[in-house]
PDB file of N, CA and C in Angstrom:
ATOM      1  N   UNK A   1     115.208  82.395  92.550  1.00  0.00           N
ATOM      2  CA  UNK A   1     116.019  82.057  90.936  1.00  0.00           C
ATOM      3  C   UNK A   1     116.384  80.838  91.180  1.00  0.00           C
ATOM      4  N   UNK A   2     116.402  80.333  93.045  1.00  0.00           N
ATOM      5  CA  UNK A   2     116.686  78.669  92.639  1.00  0.00           C
ATOM      6  C   UNK A   2     115.397  77.700  92.206  1.00  0.00           C
ATOM      7  N   UNK A   3     114.187  78.697  91.962  1.00  0.00           N
ATOM      8  CA  UNK A   3     113.326  77.707  91.274  1.00  0.00           C
ATOM      9  C   UNK A   3     113.698  77.919  89.541  1.00  0.00           C
ATOM     10  N   UNK A   4     113.904  78.841  89.251  1.00  0.00           N
ATOM     11  CA  UNK A   4     114.353  78.589  87.980  1.00  0.00           C
ATOM     12  C   UNK A   4     115.204  78.159  87.259  1.00  0.00           C
ATOM     13  N   UNK A   5     116.692  77.642  88.379  1.00  0.00           N
ATOM     14  CA  UNK A   5     117.839  77.085  88.330  1.00  0.00           C
ATOM     15  C   UNK A   5     117.292  75.596  88.476  1.00  0.00           C
ATOM     16  N   UNK A   6     116.013  74.944  88.936  1.00  0.00           N
ATOM     17  CA  UNK A   6     115.655  74.065  88.980  1.00  0.00           C
ATOM     18  C   UNK A   6     114.471  73.640  88.232  1.00  0.00           C
ATOM     19  N   UNK A   7     114.263  74.623  87.795  1.00  0.00           N
ATOM     20  CA  UNK A   7     112.490  74.597  86.348  1.00  0.00           C
ATOM     21  C   UNK A   7     112.420  72.894  85.671  1.00  0.00           C
ATOM     22  N   UNK A   8     113.573  72.505  85.266  1.00  0.00           N
ATOM     23  CA  UNK A   8     113.259  71.123  85.384  1.00  0.00           C
ATOM     24  C   UNK A   8     112.840  70.004  86.259  1.00  0.00           C
ATOM     25  N   UNK A   9     112.873  70.182  87.278  1.00  0.00           N
ATOM     26  CA  UNK A   9     112.397  69.469  88.746  1.00  0.00           C
ATOM     27  C   UNK A   9     111.066  69.802  89.271  1.00  0.00           C
ATOM     28  N   UNK A  10     110.452  70.575  88.918  1.00  0.00           N
ATOM     29  CA  UNK A  10     109.706  70.927  89.818  1.00  0.00           C
ATOM     30  C   UNK A  10     108.345  70.841  88.370  1.00  0.00           C
ATOM     31  N   UNK A  11     108.816  71.385  86.777  1.00  0.00           N
ATOM     32  CA  UNK A  11     107.376  71.555  86.462  1.00  0.00           C
ATOM     33  C   UNK A  11     107.329  70.149  85.753  1.00  0.00           C
ATOM     34  N   UNK A  12     106.094  69.706  85.682  1.00  0.00           N
ATOM     35  CA  UNK A  12     105.872  68.088  85.129  1.00  0.00           C
ATOM     36  C   UNK A  12     103.989  67.847  84.796  1.00  0.00           C
ATOM     37  N   UNK A  13     103.714  67.286  84.798  1.00  0.00           N
ATOM     38  CA  UNK A  13     102.652  66.759  84.408  1.00  0.00           C
ATOM     39  C   UNK A  13     101.379  67.201  85.590  1.00  0.00           C
ATOM     40  N   UNK A  14     102.027  67.081  86.725  1.00  0.00           N
ATOM     41  CA  UNK A  14     101.411  67.342  88.413  1.00  0.00           C
ATOM     42  C   UNK A  14     101.434  69.318  88.034  1.00  0.00           C
ATOM     43  N   UNK A  15     102.723  69.601  87.519  1.00  0.00           N
ATOM     44  CA  UNK A  15     102.819  70.666  88.686  1.00  0.00           C
ATOM     45  C   UNK A  15     103.493  72.006  87.322  1.00  0.00           C
ATOM     46  N   UNK A  16     102.605  73.213  87.401  1.00  0.00           N
ATOM     47  CA  UNK A  16     103.115  74.056  86.592  1.00  0.00           C
ATOM     48  C   UNK A  16     103.773  75.407  87.464  1.00  0.00           C
ATOM     49  N   UNK A  17     104.529  75.897  87.345  1.00  0.00           N
ATOM     50  CA  UNK A  17     105.187  77.226  88.126  1.00  0.00           C
ATOM     51  C   UNK A  17     104.887  78.260  87.665  1.00  0.00           C
ATOM     52  N   UNK A  18     104.392  79.407  88.050  1.00  0.00           N
ATOM     53  CA  UNK A  18     104.565  80.127  87.430  1.00  0.00           C
ATOM     54  C   UNK A  18     105.322  81.466  88.413  1.00  0.00           C
ATOM     55  N   UNK A  19     105.799  82.665  87.797  1.00  0.00           N
ATOM     56  CA  UNK A  19     105.827  83.925  88.807  1.00  0.00           C
ATOM     57  C   UNK A  19     105.067  84.973  89.032  1.00  0.00           C
ATOM     58  N   UNK A  20     104.823  85.055  90.266  1.00  0.00           N
ATOM     59  CA  UNK A  20     103.711  86.452  90.154  1.00  0.00           C
ATOM     60  C   UNK A  20     104.633  87.609  90.650  1.00  0.00           C
ATOM     61  N   UNK A  21     104.277  88.658  90.423  1.00  0.00           N
ATOM     62  CA  UNK A  21     105.107  89.596  90.740  1.00  0.00           C
ATOM     63  C   UNK A  21     103.810  90.966  90.923  1.00  0.00           C
ATOM     64  N   UNK A  22     104.150  92.087  91.806  1.00  0.00           N
ATOM     65  CA  UNK A  22     103.143  93.316  91.516  1.00  0.00           C
ATOM     66  C   UNK A  22     103.920  94.457  90.709  1.00  0.00           C
ATOM     67  N   UNK A  23     104.632  93.984  90.033  1.00  0.00           N
ATOM     68  CA  UNK A  23     105.561  94.984  88.782  1.00  0.00           C
ATOM     69  C   UNK A  23     104.865  94.907  87.571  1.00  0.00           C
ATOM     70  N   UNK A  24     104.576  95.916  86.983  1.00  0.00           N
ATOM     71  CA  UNK A  24     103.653  96.109  85.287  1.00  0.00           C
ATOM     72  C   UNK A  24     104.281  95.342  84.707  1.00  0.00           C
ATOM     73  N   UNK A  25     103.309  94.479  83.645  1.00  0.00           N
ATOM     74  CA  UNK A  25     103.346  93.495  82.807  1.00  0.00           C
ATOM     75  C   UNK A  25     104.927  93.696  82.128  1.00  0.00           C
ATOM     76  N   UNK A  26     105.303  95.419  81.088  1.00  0.00           N
ATOM     77  CA  UNK A  26     106.403  95.183  80.543  1.00  0.00           C
ATOM     78  C   UNK A  26     107.597  95.237  81.491  1.00  0.00           C
ATOM     79  N   UNK A  27     107.369  95.549  82.768  1.00  0.00           N
ATOM     80  CA  UNK A  27     108.795  95.019  83.422  1.00  0.00           C
ATOM     81  C   UNK A  27     109.107  94.132  83.509  1.00  0.00           C
ATOM     82  N   UNK A  28     108.088  93.252  83.931  1.00  0.00           N
ATOM     83  CA  UNK A  28     107.887  91.713  83.946  1.00  0.00           C
ATOM     84  C   UNK A  28     108.578  90.896  82.733  1.00  0.00           C
ATOM     85  N   UNK A  29     108.314  91.684  81.696  1.00  0.00           N
ATOM     86  CA  UNK A  29     108.257  90.865  80.128  1.00  0.00           C
ATOM     87  C   UNK A  29     110.205  91.122  80.130  1.00  0.00           C
ATOM     88  N   UNK A  30     110.766  92.603  80.378  1.00  0.00           N
ATOM     89  CA  UNK A  30     111.821  92.973  80.325  1.00  0.00           C
ATOM     90  C   UNK A  30     112.232  92.297  81.363  1.00  0.00           C
ATOM     91  N   UNK A  31     112.270  92.050  82.461  1.00  0.00           N
ATOM     92  CA  UNK A  31     113.380  91.158  83.587  1.00  0.00           C
ATOM     93  C   UNK A  31     113.321  89.725  83.043  1.00  0.00           C
ATOM     94  N   UNK A  32     112.191  89.482  82.776  1.00  0.00           N
ATOM     95  CA  UNK A  32     111.723  87.626  82.590  1.00  0.00           C
ATOM     96  C   UNK A  32     113.005  87.453  81.352  1.00  0.00           C
ATOM     97  N   UNK A  33     113.140  88.345  80.062  1.00  0.00           N
ATOM     98  CA  UNK A  33     114.228  88.379  78.948  1.00  0.00           C
ATOM     99  C   UNK A  33     115.228  88.400  79.342  1.00  0.00           C
ATOM    100  N   UNK A  34     115.339  89.435  80.329  1.00  0.00           N
ATOM    101  CA  UNK A  34     117.243  89.695  80.960  1.00  0.00           C
ATOM    102  C   UNK A  34     117.542  88.300  81.782  1.00  0.00           C
ATOM    103  N   UNK A  35     116.856  88.098  82.419  1.00  0.00           N
ATOM    104  CA  UNK A  35     117.125  86.984  83.457  1.00  0.00           C
ATOM    105  C   UNK A  35     117.059  85.190  82.724  1.00  0.00           C
ATOM    106  N   UNK A  36     116.565  85.128  81.165  1.00  0.00           N
ATOM    107  CA  UNK A  36     116.310  84.191  80.829  1.00  0.00           C
ATOM    108  C   UNK A  36     115.244  83.142  81.439  1.00  0.00           C
ATOM    109  N   UNK A  37     113.862  83.604  81.903  1.00  0.00           N
ATOM    110  CA  UNK A  37     113.610  82.752  83.258  1.00  0.00           C
ATOM    111  C   UNK A  37     112.606  82.067  81.945  1.00  0.00           C
ATOM    112  N   UNK A  38     112.121  80.600  82.010  1.00  0.00           N
ATOM    113  CA  UNK A  38     111.694  80.003  81.174  1.00  0.00           C
ATOM    114  C   UNK A  38     110.166  79.323  81.767  1.00  0.00           C
ATOM    115  N   UNK A  39     109.482  80.287  82.930  1.00  0.00           N
ATOM    116  CA  UNK A  39     108.704  80.392  83.520  1.00  0.00           C
ATOM    117  C   UNK A  39     107.594  81.311  82.831  1.00  0.00           C
ATOM    118  N   UNK A  40     105.815  81.276  83.308  1.00  0.00           N
ATOM    119  CA  UNK A  40     105.323  82.427  82.995  1.00  0.00           C
ATOM    120  C   UNK A  40     105.196  83.639  84.106  1.00  0.00           C
ATOM    121  N   UNK A  41     105.419  84.671  83.379  1.00  0.00           N
ATOM    122  CA  UNK A  41     105.420  85.511  84.767  1.00  0.00           C
ATOM    123  C   UNK A  41     103.855  86.291  85.065  1.00  0.00           C
ATOM    124  N   UNK A  42     102.871  86.411  85.640  1.00  0.00           N
ATOM    125  CA  UNK A  42     102.064  87.323  85.994  1.00  0.00           C
ATOM    126  C   UNK A  42     101.672  88.426  86.782  1.00  0.00           C
ATOM    127  N   UNK A  43     101.710  89.137  86.518  1.00  0.00           N
ATOM    128  CA  UNK A  43     101.152  90.731  87.239  1.00  0.00           C
ATOM    129  C   UNK A  43     100.326  90.507  87.819  1.00  0.00           C
ATOM    130  N   UNK A  44     100.453  91.391  89.120  1.00  0.00           N
ATOM    131  CA  UNK A  44      99.545  91.213  90.600  1.00  0.00           C
ATOM    132  C   UNK A  44      99.514  93.335  90.243  1.00  0.00           C
ATOM    133  N   UNK A  45      99.843  93.954  89.154  1.00  0.00           N
ATOM    134  CA  UNK A  45     100.068  94.961  89.426  1.00  0.00           C
ATOM    135  C   UNK A  45      98.788  95.726  89.302  1.00  0.00           C
ATOM    136  N   UNK A  46      97.412  95.508  89.488  1.00  0.00           N
ATOM    137  CA  UNK A  46      96.412  96.426  89.410  1.00  0.00           C
ATOM    138  C   UNK A  46      95.096  95.584  89.704  1.00  0.00           C
ATOM    139  N   UNK A  47      94.562  95.778  90.191  1.00  0.00           N
ATOM    140  CA  UNK A  47      94.438  96.582  91.452  1.00  0.00           C
ATOM    141  C   UNK A  47      95.927  96.029  91.992  1.00  0.00           C
ATOM    142  N   UNK A  48      96.436  97.146  92.801  1.00  0.00           N
ATOM    143  CA  UNK A  48      97.822  96.543  93.004  1.00  0.00           C
ATOM    144  C   UNK A  48      98.001  95.625  94.027  1.00  0.00           C
ATOM    145  N   UNK A  49      98.709  94.793  94.068  1.00  0.00           N
ATOM    146  CA  UNK A  49      99.124  93.479  95.232  1.00  0.00           C
ATOM    147  C   UNK A  49      97.738  92.700  95.729  1.00  0.00           C
ATOM    148  N   UNK A  50      96.559  92.989  95.182  1.00  0.00           N
ATOM    149  CA  UNK A  50      95.075  92.032  95.472  1.00  0.00           C
ATOM    150  C   UNK A  50      95.165  90.637  95.913  1.00  0.00           C
ATOM    151  N   UNK A  51      96.432  90.332  94.339  1.00  0.00           N
ATOM    152  CA  UNK A  51      96.742  88.953  94.748  1.00  0.00           C
ATOM    153  C   UNK A  51      97.210  88.299  95.611  1.00  0.00           C
ATOM    154  N   UNK A  52      98.694  89.132  95.890  1.00  0.00           N
ATOM    155  CA  UNK A  52      99.213  89.319  96.851  1.00  0.00           C
ATOM    156  C   UNK A  52      98.559  89.231  98.629  1.00  0.00           C
ATOM    157  N   UNK A  53      97.849  90.563  98.467  1.00  0.00           N
ATOM    158  CA  UNK A  53      97.066  90.418  99.678  1.00  0.00           C
ATOM    159  C   UNK A  53      95.973  89.225 100.020  1.00  0.00           C
ATOM    160  N   UNK A  54      95.733  88.522  99.107  1.00  0.00           N
ATOM    161  CA  UNK A  54      94.611  87.136  99.334  1.00  0.00           C
ATOM    162  C   UNK A  54      95.397  86.255  99.508  1.00  0.00           C
ATOM    163  N   UNK A  55      96.831  86.388  99.172  1.00  0.00           N
ATOM    164  CA  UNK A  55      97.861  85.389  99.755  1.00  0.00           C
ATOM    165  C   UNK A  55      98.277  85.073 100.482  1.00  0.00           C
ATOM    166  N   UNK A  56      98.381  86.919 101.741  1.00  0.00           N
ATOM    167  CA  UNK A  56      98.577  86.780 102.507  1.00  0.00           C
ATOM    168  C   UNK A  56     100.464  87.468 102.611  1.00  0.00           C
ATOM    169  N   UNK A  57     100.298  87.943 101.707  1.00  0.00           N
ATOM    170  CA  UNK A  57     102.242  88.048 100.758  1.00  0.00           C
ATOM    171  C   UNK A  57     102.484  89.753 101.309  1.00  0.00           C
ATOM    172  N   UNK A  58     101.301  90.279 101.039  1.00  0.00           N
ATOM    173  CA  UNK A  58     101.453  91.892 100.401  1.00  0.00           C
ATOM    174  C   UNK A  58     102.176  92.700 101.687  1.00  0.00           C
ATOM    175  N   UNK A  59     103.039  93.644 101.625  1.00  0.00           N
ATOM    176  CA  UNK A  59     103.915  94.076 102.384  1.00  0.00           C
ATOM    177  C   UNK A  59     103.786  95.378 102.316  1.00  0.00           C
ATOM    178  N   UNK A  60     102.087  95.906 103.118  1.00  0.00           N
ATOM    179  CA  UNK A  60     101.629  97.251 102.896  1.00  0.00           C
ATOM    180  C   UNK A  60     102.789  98.229 103.244  1.00  0.00           C
ATOM    181  N   UNK A  61     103.468  98.643 104.193  1.00  0.00           N
ATOM    182  CA  UNK A  61     104.524  99.397 104.009  1.00  0.00           C
ATOM    183  C   UNK A  61     105.769  99.586 102.912  1.00  0.00           C
ATOM    184  N   UNK A  62     106.172  98.277 102.077  1.00  0.00           N
ATOM    185  CA  UNK A  62     106.436  98.659 101.105  1.00  0.00           C
ATOM    186  C   UNK A  62     105.909  98.830  99.910  1.00  0.00           C
ATOM    187  N   UNK A  63     104.827  98.614  99.852  1.00  0.00           N
ATOM    188  CA  UNK A  63     104.407  98.107  98.456  1.00  0.00           C
ATOM    189  C   UNK A  63     105.021  97.154  97.923  1.00  0.00           C
ATOM    190  N   UNK A  64     105.105  96.132  98.203  1.00  0.00           N
ATOM    191  CA  UNK A  64     104.926  94.726  97.125  1.00  0.00           C
ATOM    192  C   UNK A  64     105.127  93.317  98.357  1.00  0.00           C
ATOM    193  N   UNK A  65     104.865  92.526  97.295  1.00  0.00           N
ATOM    194  CA  UNK A  65     105.241  91.122  98.320  1.00  0.00           C
ATOM    195  C   UNK A  65     106.524  90.794  98.925  1.00  0.00           C
ATOM    196  N   UNK A  66     106.119  90.110  99.488  1.00  0.00           N
ATOM    197  CA  UNK A  66     107.295  89.669 100.000  1.00  0.00           C
ATOM    198  C   UNK A  66     107.608  87.805  99.569  1.00  0.00           C
ATOM    199  N   UNK A  67     108.037  87.250  99.689  1.00  0.00           N
ATOM    200  CA  UNK A  67     108.700  85.742  98.931  1.00  0.00           C
ATOM    201  C   UNK A  67     107.457  84.935  99.532  1.00  0.00           C
ATOM    202  N   UNK A  68     106.760  84.431  98.571  1.00  0.00           N
ATOM    203  CA  UNK A  68     105.698  83.168  99.081  1.00  0.00           C
ATOM    204  C   UNK A  68     105.856  82.027  97.845  1.00  0.00           C
ATOM    205  N   UNK A  69     106.113  81.285  98.329  1.00  0.00           N
ATOM    206  CA  UNK A  69     105.881  79.640  98.044  1.00  0.00           C
ATOM    207  C   UNK A  69     104.566  79.119  97.785  1.00  0.00           C
ATOM    208  N   UNK A  70     103.422  78.721  96.984  1.00  0.00           N
ATOM    209  CA  UNK A  70     102.425  77.915  97.282  1.00  0.00           C
ATOM    210  C   UNK A  70     102.341  76.743  96.203  1.00  0.00           C
ATOM    211  N   UNK A  71     101.534  75.978  96.590  1.00  0.00           N
ATOM    212  CA  UNK A  71     101.524  74.890  95.865  1.00  0.00           C
ATOM    213  C   UNK A  71      99.678  74.820  95.891  1.00  0.00           C
ATOM    214  N   UNK A  72      99.201  74.830  94.701  1.00  0.00           N
ATOM    215  CA  UNK A  72      97.582  74.982  94.632  1.00  0.00           C
ATOM    216  C   UNK A  72      96.912  74.136  93.934  1.00  0.00           C
ATOM    217  N   UNK A  73      96.207  73.767  94.149  1.00  0.00           N
ATOM    218  CA  UNK A  73      95.449  72.535  93.716  1.00  0.00           C
ATOM    219  C   UNK A  73      94.961  73.078  92.670  1.00  0.00           C
ATOM    220  N   UNK A  74      94.407  72.046  91.364  1.00  0.00           N
ATOM    221  CA  UNK A  74      93.362  72.711  90.387  1.00  0.00           C
ATOM    222  C   UNK A  74      91.761  73.339  90.877  1.00  0.00           C
ATOM    223  N   UNK A  75      91.889  72.663  92.016  1.00  0.00           N
ATOM    224  CA  UNK A  75      90.439  72.938  92.445  1.00  0.00           C
ATOM    225  C   UNK A  75      90.793  74.540  93.262  1.00  0.00           C
ATOM    226  N   UNK A  76      91.924  75.367  92.958  1.00  0.00           N
ATOM    227  CA  UNK A  76      92.634  76.253  93.540  1.00  0.00           C
ATOM    228  C   UNK A  76      92.285  76.223  95.296  1.00  0.00           C
ATOM    229  N   UNK A  77      92.983  75.165  95.580  1.00  0.00           N
ATOM    230  CA  UNK A  77      92.953  75.457  97.365  1.00  0.00           C
ATOM    231  C   UNK A  77      94.147  75.084  97.400  1.00  0.00           C
ATOM    232  N   UNK A  78      94.833  76.410  98.406  1.00  0.00           N
ATOM    233  CA  UNK A  78      96.389  75.950  98.993  1.00  0.00           C
ATOM    234  C   UNK A  78      96.871  74.881  99.444  1.00  0.00           C
ATOM    235  N   UNK A  79      97.091  74.249  98.911  1.00  0.00           N
ATOM    236  CA  UNK A  79      98.156  72.755  99.825  1.00  0.00           C
ATOM    237  C   UNK A  79      99.287  73.033 100.543  1.00  0.00           C
ATOM    238  N   UNK A  80      99.623  74.014 100.357  1.00  0.00           N
ATOM    239  CA  UNK A  80     101.222  74.169 101.210  1.00  0.00           C
ATOM    240  C   UNK A  80     101.886  75.489 100.585  1.00  0.00           C
ATOM    241  N   UNK A  81     102.597  75.976 101.642  1.00  0.00           N
ATOM    242  CA  UNK A  81     103.365  77.068 101.520  1.00  0.00           C
ATOM    243  C   UNK A  81     104.662  77.542 102.479  1.00  0.00           C
ATOM    244  N   UNK A  82     105.332  78.495 101.646  1.00  0.00           N
ATOM    245  CA  UNK A  82     106.575  78.549 102.424  1.00  0.00           C
ATOM    246  C   UNK A  82     106.689  80.403 102.265  1.00  0.00           C
ATOM    247  N   UNK A  83     106.855  80.806 102.944  1.00  0.00           N
ATOM    248  CA  UNK A  83     106.502  82.570 102.745  1.00  0.00           C
ATOM    249  C   UNK A  83     108.203  82.963 103.979  1.00  0.00           C
ATOM    250  N   UNK A  84     108.639  83.844 103.087  1.00  0.00           N
ATOM    251  CA  UNK A  84     109.578  84.335 103.841  1.00  0.00           C
ATOM    252  C   UNK A  84     109.449  85.660 103.867  1.00  0.00           C
ATOM    253  N   UNK A  85     110.483  86.434 104.455  1.00  0.00           N
ATOM    254  CA  UNK A  85     110.690  88.026 104.407  1.00  0.00           C
ATOM    255  C   UNK A  85     111.357  88.770 103.445  1.00  0.00           C
ATOM    256  N   UNK A  86     111.593  90.303 103.104  1.00  0.00           N
ATOM    257  CA  UNK A  86     112.065  90.238 101.896  1.00  0.00           C
ATOM    258  C   UNK A  86     113.699  90.095 102.173  1.00  0.00           C
ATOM    259  N   UNK A  87     114.078  89.263 101.130  1.00  0.00           N
ATOM    260  CA  UNK A  87     115.917  89.336 101.057  1.00  0.00           C
ATOM    261  C   UNK A  87     115.445  87.718 101.763  1.00  0.00           C
ATOM    262  N   UNK A  88     115.039  86.922 102.345  1.00  0.00           N
ATOM    263  CA  UNK A  88     115.199  85.688 102.901  1.00  0.00           C
ATOM    264  C   UNK A  88     115.080  84.673 101.354  1.00  0.00           C
ATOM    265  N   UNK A  89     116.291  83.812 101.263  1.00  0.00           N
ATOM    266  CA  UNK A  89     116.399  82.590 100.733  1.00  0.00           C
ATOM    267  C   UNK A  89     115.187  81.841 101.130  1.00  0.00           C
ATOM    268  N   UNK A  90     114.301  81.397 100.304  1.00  0.00           N
ATOM    269  CA  UNK A  90     113.626  79.833 100.353  1.00  0.00           C
ATOM    270  C   UNK A  90     114.996  78.844 100.352  1.00  0.00           C
ATOM    271  N   UNK A  91     114.233  77.876 101.974  1.00  0.00           N
ATOM    272  CA  UNK A  91     114.773  76.412 101.295  1.00  0.00           C
ATOM    273  C   UNK A  91     113.874  75.798 100.183  1.00  0.00           C
ATOM    274  N   UNK A  92     115.271  75.331  99.260  1.00  0.00           N
ATOM    275  CA  UNK A  92     114.748  74.920  97.646  1.00  0.00           C
ATOM    276  C   UNK A  92     114.048  73.152  98.543  1.00  0.00           C
ATOM    277  N   UNK A  93     114.919  72.450  98.948  1.00  0.00           N
ATOM    278  CA  UNK A  93     114.570  71.257  99.128  1.00  0.00           C
ATOM    279  C   UNK A  93     113.574  71.150 100.218  1.00  0.00           C
ATOM    280  N   UNK A  94     112.701  71.659 100.861  1.00  0.00           N
ATOM    281  CA  UNK A  94     111.561  71.727 101.140  1.00  0.00           C
ATOM    282  C   UNK A  94     110.456  71.666 100.122  1.00  0.00           C
ATOM    283  N   UNK A  95     110.166  72.589  99.132  1.00  0.00           N
ATOM    284  CA  UNK A  95     110.160  73.241  98.452  1.00  0.00           C
ATOM    285  C   UNK A  95     109.925  71.168  97.477  1.00  0.00           C
ATOM    286  N   UNK A  96     111.070  71.292  97.080  1.00  0.00           N
ATOM    287  CA  UNK A  96     111.325  69.535  96.418  1.00  0.00           C
ATOM    288  C   UNK A  96     110.256  68.288  97.359  1.00  0.00           C
ATOM    289  N   UNK A  97     110.336  68.224  98.396  1.00  0.00           N
ATOM    290  CA  UNK A  97     109.725  67.285  99.117  1.00  0.00           C
ATOM    291  C   UNK A  97     108.172  67.812  99.415  1.00  0.00           C
ATOM    292  N   UNK A  98     108.027  69.090  98.977  1.00  0.00           N
ATOM    293  CA  UNK A  98     106.681  69.416  98.978  1.00  0.00           C
ATOM    294  C   UNK A  98     105.946  68.587  97.440  1.00  0.00           C
ATOM    295  N   UNK A  99     106.681  68.980  96.088  1.00  0.00           N
ATOM    296  CA  UNK A  99     106.143  68.590  94.880  1.00  0.00           C
ATOM    297  C   UNK A  99     106.443  66.786  95.065  1.00  0.00           C
ATOM    298  N   UNK A 100     107.538  66.537  95.443  1.00  0.00           N
ATOM    299  CA  UNK A 100     107.131  65.163  95.189  1.00  0.00           C
ATOM    300  C   UNK A 100     105.982  64.252  95.720  1.00  0.00           C
ATOM    301  N   UNK A 101     105.198  65.065  96.686  1.00  0.00           N
ATOM    302  CA  UNK A 101     104.018  64.442  96.863  1.00  0.00           C
ATOM    303  C   UNK A 101     103.073  64.864  96.207  1.00  0.00           C
ATOM    304  N   UNK A 102     103.209  65.490  95.044  1.00  0.00           N
ATOM    305  CA  UNK A 102     102.021  65.719  93.964  1.00  0.00           C
ATOM    306  C   UNK A 102     102.096  64.323  93.232  1.00  0.00           C
ATOM    307  N   UNK A 103     103.112  64.278  92.871  1.00  0.00           N
ATOM    308  CA  UNK A 103     103.475  63.336  91.931  1.00  0.00           C
ATOM    309  C   UNK A 103     103.271  61.782  92.040  1.00  0.00           C
TER     310      UNK A 103
END
């Protein structure tokens, strides 16, 4: 939620923020509307968790992705990442610092 609360500090000509979840699209739409999210939400529902697995954040035992934050270049190269377990908060200051280097 920290990213959503600071969305204007992240989105610019060099950065586009997306939320990715293993939930189905109707669930994401309802959740996004309920939370008033201003960022695009992408579904990794089927095949379930394939993108999360590719990024190394799928938790097989629970069937969900852990919290991962990635800065991906236009060439699809991961330039920076921060991964936390379920329920752990991300350090928003660390993300701010990483984004500053893109501008």
